[in-house]
Structure formats: structure tokens, C-alpha cells
Amino acid sequence: QVQLVESGGGLVQAGDSLRVSCAASGRTFSGHVMGWFRQAPGKEREFVAAISWSAGVTDYAGSVKGRFTISRDNAKNTMYLQMNSLKPEDTAVYYCAVGPDRGIRIMPQARGYDYWGQGTQVTVSS
């Protein structure tokens, strides 16, 4: 049974840093893309960042580019999102997702992912 478990969320102040993790279990995801999405109250789920299996390809939403860094450790089946210079508008539930590599155009699209975690809350106070 495939399971994705996010951790590392919490309450921080604007300007702080936070790292969230996503641990995958149940199978190995060789060749798969891993991604982060987030959903704020009253808003639709939106793409944050994604990374290819080799980590040779990454993609970021414009709102987080330059502040967030996605990485993965395939030996540990774990993905990370380092978030720096956090802003109140980054407040959301952050979800990790895994899917086949369908190309860079699909990476920002939720439909490209087959497995999802339950999410971890990140709250940034002003």
C-alpha cells in the first residue's frame, strides 16, 4: 500500500524558514516525479514545486521561485521543501504528490499525480 506522509509543518513568523518533508512508502518510485502543492482556506489547490527522479529537472511556481527549494533523497524515498523568507500568503496546507514522469509541462498539474499525502499545515504570522 502506497503511503505519503508529510511532516515539518508548523507556525512561524514572516521572514522565517521552515523545511517540510514527504516520506513515501509501499513501493519505490523510480523514474517518478514528486511534487508539492498547497491549499489555503477558501482557495483552490495550487502548484508549488516539482522535481524529477534524477533531480535534474525542477519547476517552481512564480510566487515561490527564489525562496523555496525542492530536493529529494531517492535512497530514503523522501522529498523535501526548504522554505525561506516565508510570507503570510504562504499559509496553507502543503501536500506532497507522486506521479509518472509525463514531461515538464505536466509537472505543475495536479492531474499528473497518482498518489497524494494527507498534508501538513504551514502557518506564517505577520
Foldseek 3Di string as FASTA:
>chain_A
DKAKAKDWADEEAAQAKTKMKIFIDDDAQVQKKKFKWWDDPPGDIFGAKIATNVSPDIDGDPVQPPFKDKDADRVRNMIMIIGGRDDQVVWTWMKMFMAHPPDPVCGGPPVRTDDMHPTDTHGYHD
